[in-house]
Amino acid sequence: MEREIHHGIYLPVACHALLSLAGFWFHMGLHPPGQSLTFWWAAPMSAVSFVLLPLLFLNGKTVGLGVLMNGFSVCAGAVGMIFYGFQHPPESGLIRDVLSTTAAPVALLLAKLFLAHQIWLESRGRLV
């Protein structure tokens, strides 16, 4: 028996997709793939988050896989950004610049965890 997706799931899925698209644009601006081969990992991860995860979230049979993939990509992205931030700190060294270049993007990425949790609960009919 196929699970029916509740209509309340569309808003968090759309928000998740928009955050993923914004992350893609953000990465392309800060780390153009043409500059270094190490910058190429962000584009496929963003594409998966923007294209594949919403499709998984909207299918009752695959929502769990989507939540799991989202968790993996968020953890990998946060660790990668923090690692990169420690390797390339802002020239000014001001805490304000550190927070804006590393902590703010990580916080935006972590928001995707909360959206995926909301999607999971909504898909299970726990939020009405």
Protein backbone atom coordinates (compact mmCIF):
# COMPACT_ATOMS: atom_id res chain seq x y z
CA MET A 1 0.00 0.00 0.00
CA GLU A 2 1.46 3.35 -1.05
CA ARG A 3 1.59 6.13 1.51
CA GLU A 4 -0.27 9.26 0.60
CA ILE A 5 1.67 12.51 0.93
CA HIS A 6 -0.10 15.27 2.85
CA HIS A 7 -0.50 18.66 1.21
CA GLY A 8 1.32 20.36 4.10
CA ILE A 9 4.58 18.86 2.90
CA TYR A 10 4.91 21.09 -0.16
CA LEU A 11 5.96 24.26 1.68
CA PRO A 12 8.91 22.72 3.59
CA VAL A 13 10.01 20.87 0.42
CA ALA A 14 9.93 24.16 -1.53
CA CYS A 15 11.87 25.92 1.24
CA HIS A 16 14.46 23.12 1.22
CA ALA A 17 14.83 23.39 -2.56
CA LEU A 18 15.25 27.18 -2.36
CA LEU A 19 17.91 26.85 0.35
CA SER A 20 19.71 24.33 -1.86
CA LEU A 21 19.54 26.65 -4.86
CA ALA A 22 20.80 29.57 -2.77
CA GLY A 23 23.66 27.40 -1.54
CA PHE A 24 24.55 26.53 -5.11
CA TRP A 25 24.66 30.21 -6.12
CA PHE A 26 26.60 31.05 -2.97
CA HIS A 27 29.22 28.38 -3.73
CA MET A 28 29.55 29.38 -7.36
CA GLY A 29 30.21 32.96 -6.27
CA LEU A 30 32.71 32.15 -3.53
CA HIS A 31 34.37 29.08 -5.03
CA PRO A 32 34.11 29.06 -8.83
CA PRO A 33 34.84 25.52 -10.07
CA GLY A 34 37.20 26.94 -12.70
CA GLN A 35 39.62 28.08 -9.98
CA SER A 36 40.39 24.72 -8.41
CA LEU A 37 39.49 21.06 -8.74
CA THR A 38 38.63 20.99 -5.01
CA PHE A 39 35.71 23.34 -5.67
CA TRP A 40 33.94 20.81 -7.93
CA TRP A 41 32.37 18.77 -5.09
CA ALA A 42 29.93 21.53 -4.11
CA ALA A 43 28.15 21.75 -7.46
CA PRO A 44 27.03 18.08 -7.63
CA MET A 45 25.98 18.09 -3.96
CA SER A 46 23.91 21.23 -4.55
CA ALA A 47 22.37 19.75 -7.68
CA VAL A 48 21.40 16.60 -5.77
CA SER A 49 19.88 18.73 -3.00
CA PHE A 50 17.98 20.91 -5.46
CA VAL A 51 16.81 18.28 -7.95
CA LEU A 52 16.84 14.82 -6.39
CA LEU A 53 15.93 15.41 -2.74
CA PRO A 54 12.60 17.18 -3.43
CA LEU A 55 11.59 14.24 -5.62
CA LEU A 56 12.50 11.82 -2.84
CA PHE A 57 10.70 13.94 -0.23
CA LEU A 58 7.50 14.01 -2.26
CA ASN A 59 7.29 10.23 -2.63
CA GLY A 60 5.98 8.42 0.43
CA LYS A 61 8.20 5.40 -0.23
CA THR A 62 11.45 7.36 -0.57
CA VAL A 63 11.06 10.17 1.95
CA GLY A 64 13.26 8.31 4.45
CA LEU A 65 16.05 7.97 1.90
CA GLY A 66 15.74 11.68 1.14
CA VAL A 67 16.03 12.59 4.82
CA LEU A 68 19.07 10.32 5.17
CA MET A 69 20.76 11.79 2.07
CA ASN A 70 19.99 15.28 3.32
CA GLY A 71 21.60 14.53 6.67
CA PHE A 72 24.71 13.18 4.97
CA SER A 73 25.04 16.19 2.66
CA VAL A 74 24.47 18.67 5.51
CA CYS A 75 27.09 16.98 7.71
CA ALA A 76 29.61 16.73 4.86
CA GLY A 77 28.97 20.34 3.85
CA ALA A 78 29.27 21.71 7.39
CA VAL A 79 32.50 19.82 8.06
CA GLY A 80 33.87 20.88 4.68
CA MET A 81 33.02 24.54 5.21
CA ILE A 82 34.45 24.63 8.73
CA PHE A 83 37.62 22.87 7.58
CA TYR A 84 37.98 25.29 4.66
CA GLY A 85 37.32 28.22 7.01
CA PHE A 86 40.16 27.13 9.30
CA GLN A 87 42.51 26.66 6.36
CA HIS A 88 41.63 30.04 4.80
CA PRO A 89 40.67 32.46 7.57
CA PRO A 90 39.66 36.01 6.62
CA GLU A 91 42.61 38.37 6.29
CA SER A 92 41.20 40.79 8.85
CA GLY A 93 40.98 38.11 11.53
CA LEU A 94 37.96 39.85 13.05
CA ILE A 95 35.38 37.58 14.69
CA ARG A 96 32.71 39.37 12.64
CA ASP A 97 34.39 38.28 9.41
CA VAL A 98 34.89 34.71 10.66
CA LEU A 99 31.21 34.49 11.58
CA SER A 100 30.04 35.90 8.25
CA THR A 101 32.29 33.71 6.11
CA THR A 102 31.97 30.42 8.00
CA ALA A 103 29.31 30.38 10.71
CA ALA A 104 26.52 32.01 8.69
CA PRO A 105 26.71 29.60 5.74
CA VAL A 106 26.94 26.64 8.14
CA ALA A 107 23.85 27.89 9.98
CA LEU A 108 21.95 28.16 6.70
CA LEU A 109 23.02 24.64 5.81
CA LEU A 110 21.93 23.31 9.21
CA ALA A 111 18.47 24.79 8.61
CA LYS A 112 18.04 22.08 5.99
CA LEU A 113 18.17 19.48 8.80
CA PHE A 114 15.17 21.07 10.49
CA LEU A 115 13.27 21.26 7.22
CA ALA A 116 13.99 17.59 6.50
CA HIS A 117 12.75 16.69 9.99
CA GLN A 118 9.57 18.68 9.34
CA ILE A 119 9.15 16.86 6.01
CA TRP A 120 9.67 13.50 7.74
CA LEU A 121 7.04 14.25 10.38
CA GLU A 122 4.62 15.61 7.81
CA SER A 123 5.05 12.55 5.61
CA ARG A 124 4.18 10.34 8.56
CA GLY A 125 1.01 12.33 9.25
CA ARG A 126 2.25 13.50 12.64
CA LEU A 127 1.69 17.17 11.86
CA VAL A 128 -1.79 18.13 10.84
